[in-house]
Amino acid sequence: MGERRLCCPPLRRLSGVVIAGVVADRSGNADSLYPADVIYTVNDKKVSNVAELEAALRSVKRGESVAVHLERLGQLQFLVIEIQ
């Protein structure tokens, strides 16, 4: 068997929510989510699965912003994202 290749760099943490796809961002905001981003927290609430991500976002109203701690291409980042 040949060498096994990964689609993404190894993650820094064992839990989080992987973004599989996104709807086109029409706002022109550079601080957007991209496929393969891994979300670890939303407004300091740990998210390990989709249900926890949905719960963290449920109290946020349209037009409000959230602080998201994520990993992108092997780098940890904080983004402030406005909920559309």
N, C-alpha and C. Protein backbone atom coordinates (compact mmCIF):
# COMPACT_ATOMS: atom_id res chain seq x y z
N MET A 1 0.83 -1.20 0.00
CA MET A 1 0.00 0.00 0.00
C MET A 1 0.87 1.25 0.00
N GLY A 2 0.37 2.29 -0.67
CA GLY A 2 1.10 3.55 -0.74
C GLY A 2 0.91 4.37 0.52
N GLU A 3 1.57 5.51 0.53
CA GLU A 3 1.47 6.44 1.66
C GLU A 3 0.07 7.03 1.73
N ARG A 4 -0.47 7.10 2.93
CA ARG A 4 -1.80 7.66 3.14
C ARG A 4 -1.69 9.18 3.27
N ARG A 5 -2.48 9.92 2.51
CA ARG A 5 -2.46 11.38 2.55
C ARG A 5 -3.71 11.89 3.22
N LEU A 6 -3.54 12.94 3.98
CA LEU A 6 -4.66 13.58 4.65
C LEU A 6 -5.12 14.78 3.83
N CYS A 7 -6.41 15.10 3.91
CA CYS A 7 -6.93 16.26 3.20
C CYS A 7 -6.62 17.55 3.92
N CYS A 8 -6.35 17.47 5.20
CA CYS A 8 -6.13 18.64 6.02
C CYS A 8 -4.90 18.41 6.90
N PRO A 9 -4.25 19.49 7.38
CA PRO A 9 -3.14 19.28 8.32
C PRO A 9 -3.66 18.68 9.62
N PRO A 10 -2.80 18.01 10.39
CA PRO A 10 -3.23 17.47 11.68
C PRO A 10 -3.79 18.58 12.57
N LEU A 11 -4.86 18.29 13.29
CA LEU A 11 -5.49 19.29 14.14
C LEU A 11 -4.78 19.41 15.48
N ARG A 12 -4.85 20.57 16.09
CA ARG A 12 -4.22 20.82 17.39
C ARG A 12 -5.05 20.27 18.54
N ARG A 13 -6.36 20.09 18.30
CA ARG A 13 -7.25 19.61 19.36
C ARG A 13 -8.07 18.44 18.83
N LEU A 14 -8.59 17.64 19.75
CA LEU A 14 -9.34 16.45 19.35
C LEU A 14 -10.83 16.68 19.18
N SER A 15 -11.31 17.85 19.56
CA SER A 15 -12.75 18.11 19.43
C SER A 15 -12.97 19.47 18.79
N GLY A 16 -14.09 19.59 18.11
CA GLY A 16 -14.44 20.82 17.43
C GLY A 16 -15.44 20.50 16.34
N VAL A 17 -15.88 21.50 15.64
CA VAL A 17 -16.85 21.32 14.56
C VAL A 17 -16.17 21.71 13.25
N VAL A 18 -16.09 20.75 12.32
CA VAL A 18 -15.45 21.00 11.03
C VAL A 18 -16.48 21.59 10.08
N ILE A 19 -16.12 22.68 9.43
CA ILE A 19 -17.00 23.31 8.44
C ILE A 19 -16.85 22.53 7.13
N ALA A 20 -17.95 21.95 6.67
CA ALA A 20 -17.93 21.15 5.44
C ALA A 20 -18.17 22.01 4.21
N GLY A 21 -18.92 23.09 4.36
CA GLY A 21 -19.21 23.97 3.24
C GLY A 21 -19.87 25.23 3.76
N VAL A 22 -19.88 26.25 2.93
CA VAL A 22 -20.48 27.53 3.31
C VAL A 22 -21.31 28.08 2.16
N VAL A 23 -22.26 28.92 2.50
CA VAL A 23 -23.03 29.66 1.51
C VAL A 23 -22.21 30.89 1.15
N ALA A 24 -22.22 31.28 -0.09
CA ALA A 24 -21.42 32.43 -0.55
C ALA A 24 -21.67 33.64 0.34
N ASP A 25 -20.59 34.30 0.73
CA ASP A 25 -20.66 35.50 1.57
C ASP A 25 -20.83 36.72 0.67
N ARG A 26 -22.01 37.29 0.69
CA ARG A 26 -22.30 38.45 -0.16
C ARG A 26 -21.91 39.77 0.48
N SER A 27 -21.54 39.74 1.76
CA SER A 27 -21.23 40.98 2.46
C SER A 27 -19.84 41.51 2.13
N GLY A 28 -18.98 40.67 1.53
CA GLY A 28 -17.61 41.09 1.25
C GLY A 28 -16.73 41.06 2.49
N ASN A 29 -17.23 40.47 3.57
CA ASN A 29 -16.50 40.39 4.82
C ASN A 29 -15.39 39.35 4.72
N ALA A 30 -14.15 39.77 4.96
CA ALA A 30 -13.01 38.84 4.89
C ALA A 30 -13.02 37.87 6.05
N ASP A 31 -13.65 38.26 7.17
CA ASP A 31 -13.71 37.39 8.34
C ASP A 31 -14.88 36.43 8.19
N SER A 32 -14.71 35.45 7.35
CA SER A 32 -15.75 34.47 7.08
C SER A 32 -15.23 33.08 7.40
N LEU A 33 -16.15 32.15 7.46
CA LEU A 33 -15.77 30.76 7.64
C LEU A 33 -15.52 30.13 6.28
N TYR A 34 -14.61 29.18 6.25
CA TYR A 34 -14.25 28.49 5.02
C TYR A 34 -14.31 26.98 5.24
N PRO A 35 -14.56 26.22 4.18
CA PRO A 35 -14.52 24.76 4.32
C PRO A 35 -13.19 24.32 4.93
N ALA A 36 -13.27 23.34 5.81
CA ALA A 36 -12.14 22.75 6.55
C ALA A 36 -11.74 23.55 7.78
N ASP A 37 -12.35 24.75 8.03
CA ASP A 37 -12.14 25.43 9.31
C ASP A 37 -12.69 24.52 10.40
N VAL A 38 -12.06 24.56 11.57
CA VAL A 38 -12.54 23.78 12.72
C VAL A 38 -12.85 24.76 13.84
N ILE A 39 -14.12 24.86 14.22
CA ILE A 39 -14.56 25.77 15.28
C ILE A 39 -14.40 25.08 16.63
N TYR A 40 -13.73 25.78 17.56
CA TYR A 40 -13.54 25.25 18.91
C TYR A 40 -14.43 25.94 19.94
N THR A 41 -14.61 27.26 19.79
CA THR A 41 -15.49 27.97 20.72
C THR A 41 -16.27 29.06 19.98
N VAL A 42 -17.44 29.38 20.54
CA VAL A 42 -18.25 30.51 20.08
C VAL A 42 -18.59 31.32 21.33
N ASN A 43 -18.15 32.58 21.36
CA ASN A 43 -18.34 33.42 22.55
C ASN A 43 -17.91 32.69 23.82
N ASP A 44 -16.74 32.08 23.77
CA ASP A 44 -16.12 31.35 24.89
C ASP A 44 -16.87 30.09 25.31
N LYS A 45 -17.84 29.63 24.54
CA LYS A 45 -18.54 28.38 24.81
C LYS A 45 -17.92 27.30 23.94
N LYS A 46 -17.40 26.25 24.57
CA LYS A 46 -16.78 25.15 23.85
C LYS A 46 -17.82 24.45 22.98
N VAL A 47 -17.47 24.15 21.73
CA VAL A 47 -18.35 23.39 20.85
C VAL A 47 -17.59 22.18 20.33
N SER A 48 -18.16 20.99 20.59
CA SER A 48 -17.52 19.74 20.18
C SER A 48 -18.30 19.03 19.10
N ASN A 49 -19.53 19.50 18.85
CA ASN A 49 -20.37 18.86 17.84
C ASN A 49 -21.39 19.88 17.33
N VAL A 50 -22.13 19.49 16.31
CA VAL A 50 -23.08 20.41 15.69
C VAL A 50 -24.16 20.85 16.67
N ALA A 51 -24.63 19.96 17.52
CA ALA A 51 -25.67 20.33 18.49
C ALA A 51 -25.17 21.44 19.43
N GLU A 52 -23.93 21.34 19.88
CA GLU A 52 -23.38 22.37 20.76
C GLU A 52 -23.17 23.69 20.01
N LEU A 53 -22.79 23.61 18.75
CA LEU A 53 -22.65 24.82 17.93
C LEU A 53 -24.00 25.51 17.76
N GLU A 54 -25.03 24.73 17.44
CA GLU A 54 -26.37 25.29 17.29
C GLU A 54 -26.84 25.93 18.59
N ALA A 55 -26.59 25.28 19.72
CA ALA A 55 -26.99 25.82 21.02
C ALA A 55 -26.27 27.15 21.30
N ALA A 56 -24.98 27.22 20.96
CA ALA A 56 -24.21 28.44 21.19
C ALA A 56 -24.72 29.59 20.34
N LEU A 57 -25.23 29.27 19.15
CA LEU A 57 -25.71 30.32 18.24
C LEU A 57 -27.18 30.67 18.43
N ARG A 58 -27.91 29.83 19.13
CA ARG A 58 -29.36 30.03 19.28
C ARG A 58 -29.72 31.36 19.94
N SER A 59 -28.90 31.82 20.88
CA SER A 59 -29.23 33.06 21.60
C SER A 59 -28.73 34.31 20.88
N VAL A 60 -28.04 34.15 19.77
CA VAL A 60 -27.50 35.29 19.03
C VAL A 60 -28.51 35.73 17.98
N LYS A 61 -28.79 37.02 17.98
CA LYS A 61 -29.77 37.56 17.03
C LYS A 61 -29.08 37.98 15.74
N ARG A 62 -29.83 37.99 14.67
CA ARG A 62 -29.34 38.46 13.37
C ARG A 62 -28.81 39.88 13.51
N GLY A 63 -27.64 40.12 12.96
CA GLY A 63 -27.00 41.43 13.05
C GLY A 63 -26.01 41.55 14.20
N GLU A 64 -26.08 40.64 15.18
CA GLU A 64 -25.12 40.63 16.28
C GLU A 64 -23.86 39.88 15.83
N SER A 65 -22.79 40.11 16.56
CA SER A 65 -21.52 39.46 16.24
C SER A 65 -21.16 38.43 17.30
N VAL A 66 -20.40 37.43 16.88
CA VAL A 66 -19.89 36.40 17.80
C VAL A 66 -18.38 36.31 17.63
N ALA A 67 -17.70 35.96 18.73
CA ALA A 67 -16.26 35.69 18.69
C ALA A 67 -16.09 34.19 18.50
N VAL A 68 -15.36 33.82 17.46
CA VAL A 68 -15.17 32.40 17.13
C VAL A 68 -13.69 32.08 17.22
N HIS A 69 -13.36 31.04 18.00
CA HIS A 69 -12.00 30.53 18.07
C HIS A 69 -11.95 29.32 17.16
N LEU A 70 -11.07 29.36 16.17
CA LEU A 70 -11.04 28.28 15.19
C LEU A 70 -9.62 27.97 14.77
N GLU A 71 -9.52 26.87 14.05
CA GLU A 71 -8.25 26.49 13.44
C GLU A 71 -8.44 26.50 11.93
N ARG A 72 -7.51 27.15 11.24
CA ARG A 72 -7.55 27.23 9.78
C ARG A 72 -6.15 26.94 9.25
N LEU A 73 -6.06 25.92 8.44
CA LEU A 73 -4.78 25.54 7.83
C LEU A 73 -3.68 25.39 8.87
N GLY A 74 -4.04 24.79 10.01
CA GLY A 74 -3.06 24.53 11.06
C GLY A 74 -2.78 25.68 11.99
N GLN A 75 -3.44 26.82 11.80
CA GLN A 75 -3.22 28.00 12.63
C GLN A 75 -4.45 28.32 13.45
N LEU A 76 -4.26 28.58 14.75
CA LEU A 76 -5.37 29.00 15.60
C LEU A 76 -5.63 30.47 15.38
N GLN A 77 -6.92 30.83 15.32
CA GLN A 77 -7.32 32.21 15.07
C GLN A 77 -8.58 32.55 15.86
N PHE A 78 -8.76 33.84 16.11
CA PHE A 78 -10.03 34.37 16.60
C PHE A 78 -10.62 35.25 15.51
N LEU A 79 -11.89 35.05 15.22
CA LEU A 79 -12.61 35.90 14.27
C LEU A 79 -13.84 36.47 14.96
N VAL A 80 -14.23 37.66 14.57
CA VAL A 80 -15.50 38.22 14.98
C VAL A 80 -16.38 38.19 13.73
N ILE A 81 -17.48 37.45 13.83
CA ILE A 81 -18.33 37.22 12.68
C ILE A 81 -19.74 37.73 12.98
N GLU A 82 -20.26 38.54 12.07
CA GLU A 82 -21.63 39.03 12.21
C GLU A 82 -22.59 37.95 11.71
N ILE A 83 -23.60 37.67 12.54
CA ILE A 83 -24.61 36.67 12.18
C ILE A 83 -25.56 37.28 11.16
N GLN A 84 -25.70 36.63 10.03
CA GLN A 84 -26.54 37.10 8.94
C GLN A 84 -27.92 36.50 9.03
